[in-house]
Amino acid sequence: MNLPWHLYVMAFLYIIAGINHFKNPGMYIRIIPPFFPNPKLLNMLSGVAEIILGILLTLPFFTPYAAWGIIALLIAVFPANLYMFQKKKGGFSLLKFILLIRLPLQIVLILWAYQYTH
């Protein structure tokens, strides 16, 4: 079964994002809301999850499972995106408007992943 090229784009983006959790951990750790325990561990787990799910997207048997995993991951990291917008912590000098746009972008990413769940 041939997978569509945009699935490979999605996989690549998640793999790169996952690797970035280890290359630039502070960028992610500082946007984890303070009510979550052990931000360093959460950063590592989400980075590993992005890498593994990105790889699994490219394996036809695992594609639907990986897509559901990405949807779950996007929902799980939403509080960090919301926290970053509310506190502008970890804003990386981006305008607050861009941080606001990022919130509905999560829905777009979820819909993108949902295409591959069946």
C-alpha atoms as a PDB file:
ATOM      1  CA  MET A   1       0.000   0.000   0.000  1.00  0.00           C
ATOM      2  CA  ASN A   2       1.384   3.384  -1.024  1.00  0.00           C
ATOM      3  CA  LEU A   3       0.985   6.129   1.494  1.00  0.00           C
ATOM      4  CA  PRO A   4       0.205   9.686   0.369  1.00  0.00           C
ATOM      5  CA  TRP A   5       3.069  12.168   0.306  1.00  0.00           C
ATOM      6  CA  HIS A   6       1.365  14.453   2.846  1.00  0.00           C
ATOM      7  CA  LEU A   7       1.456  11.641   5.383  1.00  0.00           C
ATOM      8  CA  TYR A   8       5.248  11.618   5.026  1.00  0.00           C
ATOM      9  CA  VAL A   9       5.256  15.399   5.515  1.00  0.00           C
ATOM     10  CA  MET A  10       3.256  14.963   8.714  1.00  0.00           C
ATOM     11  CA  ALA A  11       5.565  12.189   9.906  1.00  0.00           C
ATOM     12  CA  PHE A  12       8.633  14.303   9.159  1.00  0.00           C
ATOM     13  CA  LEU A  13       7.237  17.289  11.072  1.00  0.00           C
ATOM     14  CA  TYR A  14       6.515  15.200  14.169  1.00  0.00           C
ATOM     15  CA  ILE A  15       9.897  13.488  14.069  1.00  0.00           C
ATOM     16  CA  ILE A  16      11.693  16.837  13.773  1.00  0.00           C
ATOM     17  CA  ALA A  17       9.536  18.338  16.527  1.00  0.00           C
ATOM     18  CA  GLY A  18      10.282  15.341  18.741  1.00  0.00           C
ATOM     19  CA  ILE A  19      14.017  15.651  18.167  1.00  0.00           C
ATOM     20  CA  ASN A  20      13.765  19.343  18.999  1.00  0.00           C
ATOM     21  CA  HIS A  21      12.464  18.431  22.477  1.00  0.00           C
ATOM     22  CA  PHE A  22      15.960  17.062  23.154  1.00  0.00           C
ATOM     23  CA  LYS A  23      17.948  19.704  21.280  1.00  0.00           C
ATOM     24  CA  ASN A  24      16.137  22.647  22.912  1.00  0.00           C
ATOM     25  CA  PRO A  25      14.421  21.282  26.030  1.00  0.00           C
ATOM     26  CA  GLY A  26      14.177  24.641  27.789  1.00  0.00           C
ATOM     27  CA  MET A  27      11.938  25.951  25.040  1.00  0.00           C
ATOM     28  CA  TYR A  28       9.346  23.299  25.905  1.00  0.00           C
ATOM     29  CA  ILE A  29       9.900  23.007  29.646  1.00  0.00           C
ATOM     30  CA  ARG A  30       9.124  26.664  30.269  1.00  0.00           C
ATOM     31  CA  ILE A  31       5.687  26.434  28.635  1.00  0.00           C
ATOM     32  CA  ILE A  32       4.534  23.459  30.716  1.00  0.00           C
ATOM     33  CA  PRO A  33       1.969  24.767  33.207  1.00  0.00           C
ATOM     34  CA  PRO A  34       3.254  24.750  36.794  1.00  0.00           C
ATOM     35  CA  PHE A  35       0.462  22.444  37.981  1.00  0.00           C
ATOM     36  CA  PHE A  36       1.992  19.586  35.933  1.00  0.00           C
ATOM     37  CA  PRO A  37       4.641  17.639  37.850  1.00  0.00           C
ATOM     38  CA  ASN A  38       8.158  16.994  36.527  1.00  0.00           C
ATOM     39  CA  PRO A  39       8.309  19.197  33.404  1.00  0.00           C
ATOM     40  CA  LYS A  40      11.632  17.683  32.303  1.00  0.00           C
ATOM     41  CA  LEU A  41      10.134  14.203  32.219  1.00  0.00           C
ATOM     42  CA  LEU A  42       7.002  15.436  30.445  1.00  0.00           C
ATOM     43  CA  ASN A  43       9.164  17.126  27.826  1.00  0.00           C
ATOM     44  CA  MET A  44      11.149  13.948  27.238  1.00  0.00           C
ATOM     45  CA  LEU A  45       8.025  11.776  27.067  1.00  0.00           C
ATOM     46  CA  SER A  46       6.304  14.070  24.588  1.00  0.00           C
ATOM     47  CA  GLY A  47       9.467  14.244  22.479  1.00  0.00           C
ATOM     48  CA  VAL A  48       9.801  10.455  22.411  1.00  0.00           C
ATOM     49  CA  ALA A  49       6.094  10.127  21.625  1.00  0.00           C
ATOM     50  CA  GLU A  50       6.389  12.531  18.678  1.00  0.00           C
ATOM     51  CA  ILE A  51       9.374  10.645  17.267  1.00  0.00           C
ATOM     52  CA  ILE A  52       7.799   7.199  17.666  1.00  0.00           C
ATOM     53  CA  LEU A  53       4.402   8.281  16.361  1.00  0.00           C
ATOM     54  CA  GLY A  54       6.040  10.035  13.414  1.00  0.00           C
ATOM     55  CA  ILE A  55       7.899   6.859  12.486  1.00  0.00           C
ATOM     56  CA  LEU A  56       4.797   4.700  12.963  1.00  0.00           C
ATOM     57  CA  LEU A  57       2.812   6.970  10.643  1.00  0.00           C
ATOM     58  CA  THR A  58       4.986   5.746   7.770  1.00  0.00           C
ATOM     59  CA  LEU A  59       4.292   2.061   8.444  1.00  0.00           C
ATOM     60  CA  PRO A  60       0.933   1.224   6.818  1.00  0.00           C
ATOM     61  CA  PHE A  61      -0.185  -1.266   9.464  1.00  0.00           C
ATOM     62  CA  PHE A  62       0.483   1.235  12.254  1.00  0.00           C
ATOM     63  CA  THR A  63      -0.685   4.413  10.488  1.00  0.00           C
ATOM     64  CA  PRO A  64      -4.212   4.500  11.994  1.00  0.00           C
ATOM     65  CA  TYR A  65      -2.906   3.778  15.499  1.00  0.00           C
ATOM     66  CA  ALA A  66      -0.199   6.417  15.167  1.00  0.00           C
ATOM     67  CA  ALA A  67      -2.762   8.939  13.917  1.00  0.00           C
ATOM     68  CA  TRP A  68      -4.926   8.306  17.005  1.00  0.00           C
ATOM     69  CA  GLY A  69      -1.792   8.654  19.132  1.00  0.00           C
ATOM     70  CA  ILE A  70      -1.029  12.017  17.551  1.00  0.00           C
ATOM     71  CA  ILE A  71      -4.582  13.179  18.195  1.00  0.00           C
ATOM     72  CA  ALA A  72      -4.228  12.158  21.850  1.00  0.00           C
ATOM     73  CA  LEU A  73      -0.837  13.887  22.061  1.00  0.00           C
ATOM     74  CA  LEU A  74      -2.198  17.107  20.547  1.00  0.00           C
ATOM     75  CA  ILE A  75      -4.992  17.103  23.113  1.00  0.00           C
ATOM     76  CA  ALA A  76      -2.522  16.371  25.916  1.00  0.00           C
ATOM     77  CA  VAL A  77      -0.196  19.261  25.009  1.00  0.00           C
ATOM     78  CA  PHE A  78      -3.012  21.768  24.505  1.00  0.00           C
ATOM     79  CA  PRO A  79      -2.723  23.037  28.109  1.00  0.00           C
ATOM     80  CA  ALA A  80       0.890  24.038  27.386  1.00  0.00           C
ATOM     81  CA  ASN A  81      -0.181  26.010  24.324  1.00  0.00           C
ATOM     82  CA  LEU A  82      -2.957  27.686  26.293  1.00  0.00           C
ATOM     83  CA  TYR A  83      -0.579  28.438  29.170  1.00  0.00           C
ATOM     84  CA  MET A  84       1.951  29.931  26.750  1.00  0.00           C
ATOM     85  CA  PHE A  85      -0.760  32.221  25.357  1.00  0.00           C
ATOM     86  CA  GLN A  86      -2.140  33.234  28.765  1.00  0.00           C
ATOM     87  CA  LYS A  87       1.182  33.884  30.439  1.00  0.00           C
ATOM     88  CA  LYS A  88       3.187  34.608  27.300  1.00  0.00           C
ATOM     89  CA  LYS A  89       5.795  32.391  28.940  1.00  0.00           C
ATOM     90  CA  GLY A  90       7.916  30.659  26.424  1.00  0.00           C
ATOM     91  CA  GLY A  91       6.579  33.135  23.903  1.00  0.00           C
ATOM     92  CA  PHE A  92       9.982  33.268  22.240  1.00  0.00           C
ATOM     93  CA  SER A  93       9.311  36.953  21.417  1.00  0.00           C
ATOM     94  CA  LEU A  94       6.361  36.024  19.196  1.00  0.00           C
ATOM     95  CA  LEU A  95       3.476  38.409  19.119  1.00  0.00           C
ATOM     96  CA  LYS A  96       0.567  37.477  21.331  1.00  0.00           C
ATOM     97  CA  PHE A  97      -1.603  37.291  18.183  1.00  0.00           C
ATOM     98  CA  ILE A  98       0.547  34.487  16.799  1.00  0.00           C
ATOM     99  CA  LEU A  99       0.192  32.614  20.090  1.00  0.00           C
ATOM    100  CA  LEU A 100      -3.564  33.026  19.816  1.00  0.00           C
ATOM    101  CA  ILE A 101      -3.570  31.645  16.252  1.00  0.00           C
ATOM    102  CA  ARG A 102      -1.663  28.604  17.484  1.00  0.00           C
ATOM    103  CA  LEU A 103      -4.622  27.481  19.603  1.00  0.00           C
ATOM    104  CA  PRO A 104      -7.052  26.780  16.724  1.00  0.00           C
ATOM    105  CA  LEU A 105      -4.121  25.387  14.743  1.00  0.00           C
ATOM    106  CA  GLN A 106      -4.311  22.418  17.118  1.00  0.00           C
ATOM    107  CA  ILE A 107      -7.741  21.656  15.680  1.00  0.00           C
ATOM    108  CA  VAL A 108      -6.335  21.735  12.148  1.00  0.00           C
ATOM    109  CA  LEU A 109      -3.552  19.355  13.183  1.00  0.00           C
ATOM    110  CA  ILE A 110      -6.084  17.026  14.817  1.00  0.00           C
ATOM    111  CA  LEU A 111      -8.195  17.012  11.648  1.00  0.00           C
ATOM    112  CA  TRP A 112      -5.097  16.339   9.574  1.00  0.00           C
ATOM    113  CA  ALA A 113      -4.220  13.342  11.725  1.00  0.00           C
ATOM    114  CA  TYR A 114      -7.831  12.151  11.752  1.00  0.00           C
ATOM    115  CA  GLN A 115      -7.653  11.586   7.996  1.00  0.00           C
ATOM    116  CA  TYR A 116      -5.388   8.605   8.673  1.00  0.00           C
ATOM    117  CA  THR A 117      -7.347   6.931  11.463  1.00  0.00           C
ATOM    118  CA  HIS A 118      -9.247   4.586   9.158  1.00  0.00           C
END
